[in-house]
Amino acid sequence: MANAFSDRGEVVLRRRGRDGALELRVNGVFVMDDRHTSTERDLARLALGACRARSGVRVLVGGLGLGHSLDELLGCPRTAAVTVAEIEPALVQWHRDGLVPGSRLADPRVTVAVGDVAAVVYAARGAWDVILLDVDNGPDFLVHDGNAAIYRRPFLHACHDALRPGGVLAVWSCSPAPDLAEALEAIFEDCKRHSLAVTLGSRDTAYFVLLARRPAQRRSAPWQGRRTHEPP
């Protein structure tokens, strides 16, 4: 259907012949399709459920994908505004051009930031009630090696500071990611890992959503030493 090249490799949107599913591939790696969307929607649903704000919820989404998490967020009446940070401009344009059926980028509550989600997070403080991160397959199966930084403590501390008190960070992963869970537990008030059953063809497996909530009382995140990574 469409493809584009960037510094991160080739981005491909294609219609599979065997089942007709719309599929997104990045840098030669399968990212998602529109046949199995439950866990992308669960990412949004679980984060909203854990967020303490009852109305006027402001959300930052890292990774547009095929838009299923965004659709779930916008279906909730508590959601007031969503900023989507997507590093691939071609993917944003495909949504706007109608190549992704049902895309909701035109919703007036949505703002698109074309670029690295890290730049948005590091520029904010106390701005969001929810941050969703679905920019990769998780820390153990990276599409791009550079994405490893978003699962490390300097960036997780920045997410903590970018959340309002009682706000929630939700991270999608195709593996249990114990090191990530340990880091989140050290930085946030609590961390819960949700296992989500998925059937892929004839194979049963599980994906994961890790939820961490900033304490309701304003305080700085515990920090040992200086941050070692920030966007230029």
Protein backbone atom coordinates (compact mmCIF):
# COMPACT_ATOMS: atom_id res chain seq x y z
CA MET A 1 0.00 0.00 0.00
CA ALA A 2 2.64 2.52 1.06
CA ASN A 3 6.26 2.67 2.14
CA ALA A 4 8.76 5.36 3.10
CA PHE A 5 12.38 5.60 4.19
CA SER A 6 13.87 7.55 7.07
CA ASP A 7 17.07 7.51 9.12
CA ARG A 8 15.53 4.62 11.08
CA GLY A 9 14.96 2.41 8.04
CA GLU A 10 11.92 1.53 5.95
CA VAL A 11 8.35 2.02 7.18
CA VAL A 12 5.81 -0.19 5.41
CA LEU A 13 2.02 -0.20 5.50
CA ARG A 14 0.67 -3.23 3.66
CA ARG A 15 -2.45 -5.32 3.25
CA ARG A 16 -1.68 -8.99 3.90
CA GLY A 17 -2.83 -11.38 1.23
CA ARG A 18 -3.57 -14.38 3.44
CA ASP A 19 -6.09 -12.70 5.74
CA GLY A 20 -6.55 -9.15 4.45
CA ALA A 21 -5.20 -7.57 7.64
CA LEU A 22 -3.57 -4.15 7.55
CA GLU A 23 -0.01 -4.52 8.83
CA LEU A 24 2.67 -2.05 9.92
CA ARG A 25 6.36 -2.94 9.65
CA VAL A 26 9.29 -0.76 10.66
CA ASN A 27 12.93 -1.46 9.88
CA GLY A 28 11.96 -4.93 8.66
CA VAL A 29 10.25 -5.81 11.96
CA PHE A 30 6.54 -6.53 12.42
CA VAL A 31 5.04 -3.90 14.71
CA MET A 32 1.25 -4.45 14.65
CA ASP A 33 -1.79 -5.20 12.54
CA ASP A 34 -5.51 -4.50 12.69
CA ARG A 35 -6.38 -8.15 13.29
CA HIS A 36 -5.14 -8.29 16.89
CA THR A 37 -5.83 -4.93 18.52
CA SER A 38 -6.97 -5.91 22.02
CA THR A 39 -3.69 -5.24 23.82
CA GLU A 40 -3.22 -1.80 22.26
CA ARG A 41 -6.71 -0.97 23.50
CA ASP A 42 -5.98 -2.55 26.88
CA LEU A 43 -2.94 -0.26 27.19
CA ALA A 44 -5.25 2.76 27.07
CA ARG A 45 -8.07 1.20 29.07
CA LEU A 46 -5.85 0.06 31.95
CA ALA A 47 -4.04 3.41 32.12
CA LEU A 48 -7.29 5.37 32.27
CA GLY A 49 -8.60 2.98 34.90
CA ALA A 50 -5.55 3.56 37.08
CA CYS A 51 -5.51 7.34 36.64
CA ARG A 52 -6.95 9.22 39.61
CA ALA A 53 -8.22 12.19 37.59
CA ARG A 54 -11.98 11.81 37.14
CA SER A 55 -12.37 14.34 34.32
CA GLY A 56 -10.32 16.57 32.03
CA VAL A 57 -7.70 13.85 31.55
CA ARG A 58 -4.71 14.93 29.45
CA VAL A 59 -2.78 12.13 27.74
CA LEU A 60 0.54 11.82 25.95
CA VAL A 61 0.84 8.88 23.56
CA GLY A 62 4.28 7.79 22.44
CA GLY A 63 3.81 5.94 19.15
CA LEU A 64 0.80 6.35 16.83
CA GLY A 65 0.90 2.90 15.22
CA LEU A 66 -2.44 2.09 13.61
CA GLY A 67 -4.28 4.28 16.09
CA HIS A 68 -6.08 1.71 18.23
CA SER A 69 -4.84 3.05 21.57
CA LEU A 70 -5.80 6.55 20.44
CA ASP A 71 -9.26 5.36 19.46
CA GLU A 72 -9.75 3.78 22.89
CA LEU A 73 -8.64 6.97 24.64
CA LEU A 74 -11.00 9.14 22.63
CA GLY A 75 -13.89 6.79 23.36
CA CYS A 76 -13.63 7.70 27.05
CA PRO A 77 -15.60 10.83 28.07
CA ARG A 78 -12.96 11.62 30.72
CA THR A 79 -10.36 12.28 28.01
CA ALA A 80 -9.99 16.03 27.37
CA ALA A 81 -6.86 16.15 25.21
CA VAL A 82 -4.40 13.74 23.62
CA THR A 83 -0.97 14.60 22.24
CA VAL A 84 0.44 11.91 19.97
CA ALA A 85 4.21 11.88 19.51
CA GLU A 86 5.12 9.94 16.36
CA ILE A 87 8.65 9.96 14.99
CA GLU A 88 7.75 8.78 11.46
CA PRO A 89 6.13 11.64 9.50
CA ALA A 90 5.07 9.25 6.73
CA LEU A 91 2.90 7.27 9.15
CA VAL A 92 1.16 10.44 10.31
CA GLN A 93 0.51 11.40 6.69
CA TRP A 94 -0.91 7.95 5.86
CA HIS A 95 -3.41 8.40 8.67
CA ARG A 96 -4.38 11.82 7.36
CA ASP A 97 -4.65 10.51 3.80
CA GLY A 98 -7.14 7.81 4.82
CA LEU A 99 -4.83 4.83 4.28
CA VAL A 100 -5.50 3.75 7.88
CA PRO A 101 -9.28 3.15 8.10
CA GLY A 102 -11.00 4.77 11.04
CA SER A 103 -8.08 7.03 11.95
CA ARG A 104 -9.05 9.67 14.51
CA LEU A 105 -6.24 12.17 14.06
CA ALA A 106 -8.83 14.74 12.94
CA ASP A 107 -10.57 14.64 16.33
CA PRO A 108 -10.37 18.18 17.80
CA ARG A 109 -8.98 16.81 21.05
CA VAL A 110 -5.89 15.43 19.25
CA THR A 111 -2.57 17.22 18.72
CA VAL A 112 0.21 15.52 16.75
CA ALA A 113 3.87 16.13 17.57
CA VAL A 114 5.98 14.72 14.76
CA GLY A 115 9.21 13.72 16.46
CA ASP A 116 10.71 11.73 19.30
CA VAL A 117 8.46 11.29 22.33
CA ALA A 118 11.54 11.90 24.50
CA ALA A 119 11.68 15.52 23.35
CA VAL A 120 8.05 16.02 24.42
CA VAL A 121 8.57 14.38 27.79
CA TYR A 122 11.77 16.22 28.66
CA ALA A 123 10.14 19.56 27.77
CA ALA A 124 7.20 19.03 30.14
CA ARG A 125 6.75 19.01 33.88
CA GLY A 126 3.50 18.07 35.53
CA ALA A 127 1.70 18.30 32.18
CA TRP A 128 0.00 14.92 31.79
CA ASP A 129 -2.38 12.68 33.67
CA VAL A 130 -1.45 9.65 31.55
CA ILE A 131 1.59 8.77 29.44
CA LEU A 132 1.32 5.76 27.12
CA LEU A 133 4.49 4.32 25.60
CA ASP A 134 4.10 1.96 22.66
CA VAL A 135 7.00 2.97 20.46
CA ASP A 136 8.56 -0.47 20.20
CA ASN A 137 7.97 -4.14 21.01
CA GLY A 138 9.27 -3.58 24.53
CA PRO A 139 12.78 -3.45 26.00
CA ASP A 140 13.66 -7.03 25.05
CA PHE A 141 12.70 -6.94 21.34
CA LEU A 142 13.63 -3.54 19.94
CA VAL A 143 12.75 -2.32 16.47
CA HIS A 144 15.53 0.29 16.77
CA ASP A 145 18.47 -0.02 19.16
CA GLY A 146 18.13 3.68 19.99
CA ASN A 147 14.74 3.02 21.58
CA ALA A 148 16.45 1.27 24.49
CA ALA A 149 16.83 4.66 26.19
CA ILE A 150 13.09 5.00 26.82
CA TYR A 151 13.14 1.93 29.07
CA ARG A 152 16.04 3.20 31.20
CA ARG A 153 15.91 5.14 34.42
CA PRO A 154 16.83 8.64 33.18
CA PHE A 155 13.85 8.71 30.80
CA LEU A 156 11.54 6.98 33.29
CA HIS A 157 12.44 9.70 35.82
CA ALA A 158 11.54 12.29 33.20
CA CYS A 159 8.17 10.58 32.70
CA HIS A 160 7.59 10.72 36.44
CA ASP A 161 8.25 14.46 36.44
CA ALA A 162 6.08 15.03 33.34
CA LEU A 163 3.06 13.48 35.09
CA ARG A 164 0.70 15.29 37.40
CA PRO A 165 0.45 13.87 40.94
CA GLY A 166 -1.61 10.68 40.73
CA GLY A 167 -0.80 10.36 37.01
CA VAL A 168 0.02 7.05 35.34
CA LEU A 169 2.76 5.81 33.04
CA ALA A 170 1.73 2.77 30.97
CA VAL A 171 4.23 0.80 28.88
CA TRP A 172 3.39 -1.92 26.35
CA SER A 173 5.77 -4.87 26.09
CA CYS A 174 5.74 -8.21 24.32
CA SER A 175 7.75 -9.70 27.22
CA PRO A 176 7.47 -9.51 31.03
CA ALA A 177 10.41 -7.04 31.11
CA PRO A 178 11.53 -7.63 34.73
CA ASP A 179 14.32 -5.02 34.58
CA LEU A 180 11.84 -2.39 33.46
CA ALA A 181 9.43 -3.37 36.24
CA GLU A 182 12.23 -3.07 38.79
CA ALA A 183 13.15 0.40 37.53
CA LEU A 184 9.54 1.57 37.62
CA GLU A 185 9.08 0.29 41.18
CA ALA A 186 12.15 2.26 42.26
CA ILE A 187 10.91 5.52 40.74
CA PHE A 188 7.12 5.50 41.15
CA GLU A 189 4.68 4.90 43.98
CA ASP A 190 3.87 1.46 42.65
CA CYS A 191 4.15 -0.69 39.55
CA LYS A 192 1.77 -3.38 38.37
CA ARG A 193 2.32 -5.75 35.46
CA HIS A 194 -0.75 -6.97 33.61
CA SER A 195 -0.53 -10.12 31.51
CA LEU A 196 -2.82 -10.03 28.47
CA ALA A 197 -3.68 -13.32 26.78
CA VAL A 198 -3.49 -13.25 22.97
CA THR A 199 -4.12 -15.93 20.36
CA LEU A 200 -1.99 -15.51 17.24
CA GLY A 201 -3.25 -17.97 14.66
CA SER A 202 -3.15 -21.29 16.47
CA ARG A 203 -0.65 -20.11 19.10
CA ASP A 204 -1.60 -18.80 22.54
CA THR A 205 0.76 -16.25 24.01
CA ALA A 206 0.73 -13.16 26.24
CA TYR A 207 1.69 -9.52 25.96
CA PHE A 208 2.15 -7.17 28.90
CA VAL A 209 1.24 -3.71 30.13
CA LEU A 210 3.30 -2.23 32.95
CA LEU A 211 1.54 0.50 34.95
CA ALA A 212 3.31 2.90 37.31
CA ARG A 213 1.62 5.74 39.19
CA ARG A 214 3.14 8.95 40.47
CA PRO A 215 2.30 9.59 44.14
CA ALA A 216 -0.66 11.89 44.72
CA GLN A 217 1.46 14.21 46.84
CA ARG A 218 3.81 16.44 44.87
CA ARG A 219 7.40 15.46 45.35
CA SER A 220 10.43 15.02 43.17
CA ALA A 221 11.32 11.54 42.01
CA PRO A 222 14.10 9.84 43.98
CA TRP A 223 17.29 10.35 42.04
CA GLN A 224 20.86 9.21 42.49
CA GLY A 225 23.24 11.21 40.36
CA ARG A 226 22.69 13.22 37.20
CA ARG A 227 20.70 12.14 34.17
CA THR A 228 22.96 10.67 31.57
CA HIS A 229 20.64 10.90 28.59
CA GLU A 230 18.55 13.75 27.33
CA PRO A 231 17.54 14.57 23.81
CA PRO A 232 19.73 17.12 22.02
